[in-house]
Amino acid sequence: MLPIVSAEGGARLILYAGQPQLEPTVDYGPFIGDSRDDIVRLYNDYRQGRFQRVSHFSRAGSRD
C-alpha cells in the first residue's frame, strides 16, 4: 500500500515498474545511472538546462 496525500491542487505521481535487469547502477541525489561518469554527465546536463523535464514527456498512455 502506498498512501498519497496532496494539497487542494492535487498531485502528480510517476511510477515505473519492470523486470530486474541485473545490471550495476549508481545513484546520487535524484539521479540514477550506469556509472559515476554517467551521474556526472546527468548533473552537468541538468545544470546547463539540457535535462528534459518529465512534464515535457509525451502524454501518450496517460490516464488523466
N, C-alpha and C. Protein backbone atom coordinates (compact mmCIF):
# COMPACT_ATOMS: atom_id res chain seq x y z
N MET A 1 0.85 -1.18 0.00
CA MET A 1 0.00 0.00 0.00
C MET A 1 0.89 1.24 0.00
N LEU A 2 0.50 2.21 -0.79
CA LEU A 2 1.24 3.47 -0.89
C LEU A 2 0.26 4.62 -0.67
N PRO A 3 0.19 5.13 0.56
CA PRO A 3 -0.72 6.26 0.81
C PRO A 3 -0.15 7.53 0.18
N ILE A 4 -1.02 8.29 -0.47
CA ILE A 4 -0.62 9.53 -1.12
C ILE A 4 -1.53 10.64 -0.61
N VAL A 5 -0.91 11.72 -0.16
CA VAL A 5 -1.65 12.88 0.36
C VAL A 5 -1.23 14.09 -0.45
N SER A 6 -2.18 14.91 -0.85
CA SER A 6 -1.84 16.11 -1.63
C SER A 6 -2.59 17.31 -1.08
N ALA A 7 -2.16 18.47 -1.54
CA ALA A 7 -2.85 19.71 -1.20
C ALA A 7 -4.09 19.84 -2.08
N GLU A 8 -4.79 20.95 -1.96
CA GLU A 8 -6.02 21.14 -2.74
C GLU A 8 -5.78 21.06 -4.24
N GLY A 9 -4.58 21.45 -4.68
CA GLY A 9 -4.28 21.45 -6.11
C GLY A 9 -4.02 20.08 -6.68
N GLY A 10 -3.98 19.04 -5.86
CA GLY A 10 -3.74 17.69 -6.33
C GLY A 10 -2.26 17.37 -6.37
N ALA A 11 -1.94 16.25 -6.98
CA ALA A 11 -0.56 15.79 -7.07
C ALA A 11 -0.38 14.99 -8.34
N ARG A 12 0.86 14.85 -8.78
CA ARG A 12 1.19 14.00 -9.92
C ARG A 12 2.15 12.94 -9.42
N LEU A 13 1.99 11.75 -9.89
CA LEU A 13 2.82 10.64 -9.46
C LEU A 13 3.30 9.89 -10.69
N ILE A 14 4.58 9.59 -10.73
CA ILE A 14 5.14 8.78 -11.80
C ILE A 14 5.62 7.49 -11.17
N LEU A 15 5.13 6.38 -11.66
CA LEU A 15 5.51 5.08 -11.14
C LEU A 15 6.04 4.24 -12.29
N TYR A 16 7.27 3.80 -12.14
CA TYR A 16 7.90 2.96 -13.15
C TYR A 16 8.04 1.56 -12.58
N ALA A 17 7.83 0.58 -13.41
CA ALA A 17 7.99 -0.81 -12.98
C ALA A 17 8.51 -1.63 -14.16
N GLY A 18 9.15 -2.71 -13.86
CA GLY A 18 9.65 -3.58 -14.92
C GLY A 18 10.42 -4.74 -14.33
N GLN A 19 10.90 -5.58 -15.19
CA GLN A 19 11.68 -6.74 -14.77
C GLN A 19 13.08 -6.29 -14.35
N PRO A 20 13.66 -6.92 -13.33
CA PRO A 20 15.03 -6.59 -12.94
C PRO A 20 15.98 -6.83 -14.11
N GLN A 21 16.90 -5.91 -14.33
CA GLN A 21 17.84 -6.02 -15.44
C GLN A 21 19.17 -6.63 -15.03
N LEU A 22 19.39 -6.74 -13.72
CA LEU A 22 20.62 -7.33 -13.18
C LEU A 22 21.88 -6.65 -13.70
N GLU A 23 21.78 -5.34 -13.90
CA GLU A 23 22.91 -4.51 -14.34
C GLU A 23 23.32 -3.61 -13.19
N PRO A 24 24.61 -3.31 -13.06
CA PRO A 24 25.03 -2.41 -11.99
C PRO A 24 24.49 -0.99 -12.21
N THR A 25 24.12 -0.33 -11.13
CA THR A 25 23.65 1.05 -11.20
C THR A 25 24.35 1.87 -10.12
N VAL A 26 24.38 3.17 -10.37
CA VAL A 26 24.95 4.13 -9.43
C VAL A 26 23.88 5.20 -9.21
N ASP A 27 23.63 5.56 -7.95
CA ASP A 27 22.68 6.64 -7.70
C ASP A 27 23.34 7.69 -6.85
N TYR A 28 22.97 8.93 -7.11
CA TYR A 28 23.47 10.06 -6.34
C TYR A 28 22.43 11.16 -6.44
N GLY A 29 21.88 11.56 -5.31
CA GLY A 29 20.81 12.56 -5.34
C GLY A 29 19.63 12.01 -6.10
N PRO A 30 19.05 12.81 -6.98
CA PRO A 30 17.87 12.35 -7.72
C PRO A 30 18.22 11.54 -8.98
N PHE A 31 19.50 11.34 -9.24
CA PHE A 31 19.90 10.71 -10.50
C PHE A 31 20.32 9.25 -10.31
N ILE A 32 20.01 8.43 -11.29
CA ILE A 32 20.43 7.04 -11.33
C ILE A 32 21.06 6.81 -12.69
N GLY A 33 22.26 6.22 -12.68
CA GLY A 33 22.96 5.99 -13.94
C GLY A 33 23.70 4.67 -13.94
N ASP A 34 24.44 4.44 -15.01
CA ASP A 34 25.20 3.21 -15.17
C ASP A 34 26.57 3.28 -14.50
N SER A 35 27.08 4.50 -14.30
CA SER A 35 28.43 4.67 -13.75
C SER A 35 28.53 6.05 -13.10
N ARG A 36 29.63 6.27 -12.41
CA ARG A 36 29.87 7.59 -11.82
C ARG A 36 29.95 8.65 -12.92
N ASP A 37 30.60 8.31 -14.04
CA ASP A 37 30.69 9.24 -15.17
C ASP A 37 29.30 9.60 -15.70
N ASP A 38 28.40 8.64 -15.71
CA ASP A 38 27.03 8.88 -16.16
C ASP A 38 26.34 9.88 -15.22
N ILE A 39 26.55 9.74 -13.92
CA ILE A 39 25.96 10.67 -12.94
C ILE A 39 26.51 12.07 -13.16
N VAL A 40 27.82 12.18 -13.38
CA VAL A 40 28.44 13.49 -13.63
C VAL A 40 27.83 14.12 -14.88
N ARG A 41 27.64 13.33 -15.94
CA ARG A 41 27.03 13.83 -17.18
C ARG A 41 25.60 14.30 -16.92
N LEU A 42 24.83 13.53 -16.15
CA LEU A 42 23.45 13.91 -15.85
C LEU A 42 23.40 15.22 -15.07
N TYR A 43 24.26 15.38 -14.06
CA TYR A 43 24.30 16.63 -13.31
C TYR A 43 24.68 17.81 -14.21
N ASN A 44 25.65 17.61 -15.07
CA ASN A 44 26.05 18.69 -16.00
C ASN A 44 24.91 19.05 -16.93
N ASP A 45 24.23 18.05 -17.48
CA ASP A 45 23.08 18.32 -18.35
C ASP A 45 22.02 19.11 -17.60
N TYR A 46 21.75 18.72 -16.36
CA TYR A 46 20.75 19.41 -15.55
C TYR A 46 21.15 20.86 -15.30
N ARG A 47 22.39 21.07 -14.90
CA ARG A 47 22.86 22.43 -14.58
C ARG A 47 22.86 23.34 -15.81
N GLN A 48 23.07 22.76 -17.00
CA GLN A 48 23.13 23.56 -18.23
C GLN A 48 21.78 23.64 -18.94
N GLY A 49 20.72 23.16 -18.28
CA GLY A 49 19.38 23.27 -18.85
C GLY A 49 19.09 22.29 -19.97
N ARG A 50 19.89 21.24 -20.11
CA ARG A 50 19.68 20.27 -21.17
C ARG A 50 18.96 19.02 -20.69
N PHE A 51 18.55 19.02 -19.44
CA PHE A 51 17.90 17.85 -18.87
C PHE A 51 16.41 17.95 -19.15
N GLN A 52 15.86 16.98 -19.86
CA GLN A 52 14.45 17.03 -20.22
C GLN A 52 13.57 16.84 -18.99
N ARG A 53 12.62 17.73 -18.81
CA ARG A 53 11.71 17.64 -17.67
C ARG A 53 10.64 16.59 -17.94
N VAL A 54 10.20 15.93 -16.88
CA VAL A 54 9.17 14.92 -17.01
C VAL A 54 7.90 15.54 -17.60
N SER A 55 7.61 16.79 -17.27
CA SER A 55 6.40 17.44 -17.77
C SER A 55 6.43 17.61 -19.29
N HIS A 56 7.59 17.46 -19.92
CA HIS A 56 7.69 17.59 -21.37
C HIS A 56 7.59 16.25 -22.09
N PHE A 57 7.56 15.15 -21.36
CA PHE A 57 7.45 13.84 -21.98
C PHE A 57 6.08 13.70 -22.65
N SER A 58 5.99 12.82 -23.58
CA SER A 58 4.72 12.54 -24.26
C SER A 58 3.70 12.06 -23.25
N ARG A 59 2.49 12.49 -23.42
CA ARG A 59 1.42 12.06 -22.53
C ARG A 59 0.70 10.85 -23.09
N ALA A 60 1.23 10.22 -24.11
CA ALA A 60 0.61 9.02 -24.68
C ALA A 60 0.48 7.97 -23.59
N GLY A 61 -0.66 7.39 -23.50
CA GLY A 61 -0.87 6.37 -22.48
C GLY A 61 -1.28 6.94 -21.13
N SER A 62 -1.31 8.27 -21.03
CA SER A 62 -1.71 8.90 -19.77
C SER A 62 -3.15 8.59 -19.48
N ARG A 63 -3.47 8.45 -18.20
CA ARG A 63 -4.85 8.14 -17.80
C ARG A 63 -5.59 9.36 -17.30
N ASP A 64 -4.98 10.56 -17.37
CA ASP A 64 -5.71 11.73 -16.85
C ASP A 64 -6.22 12.62 -17.93
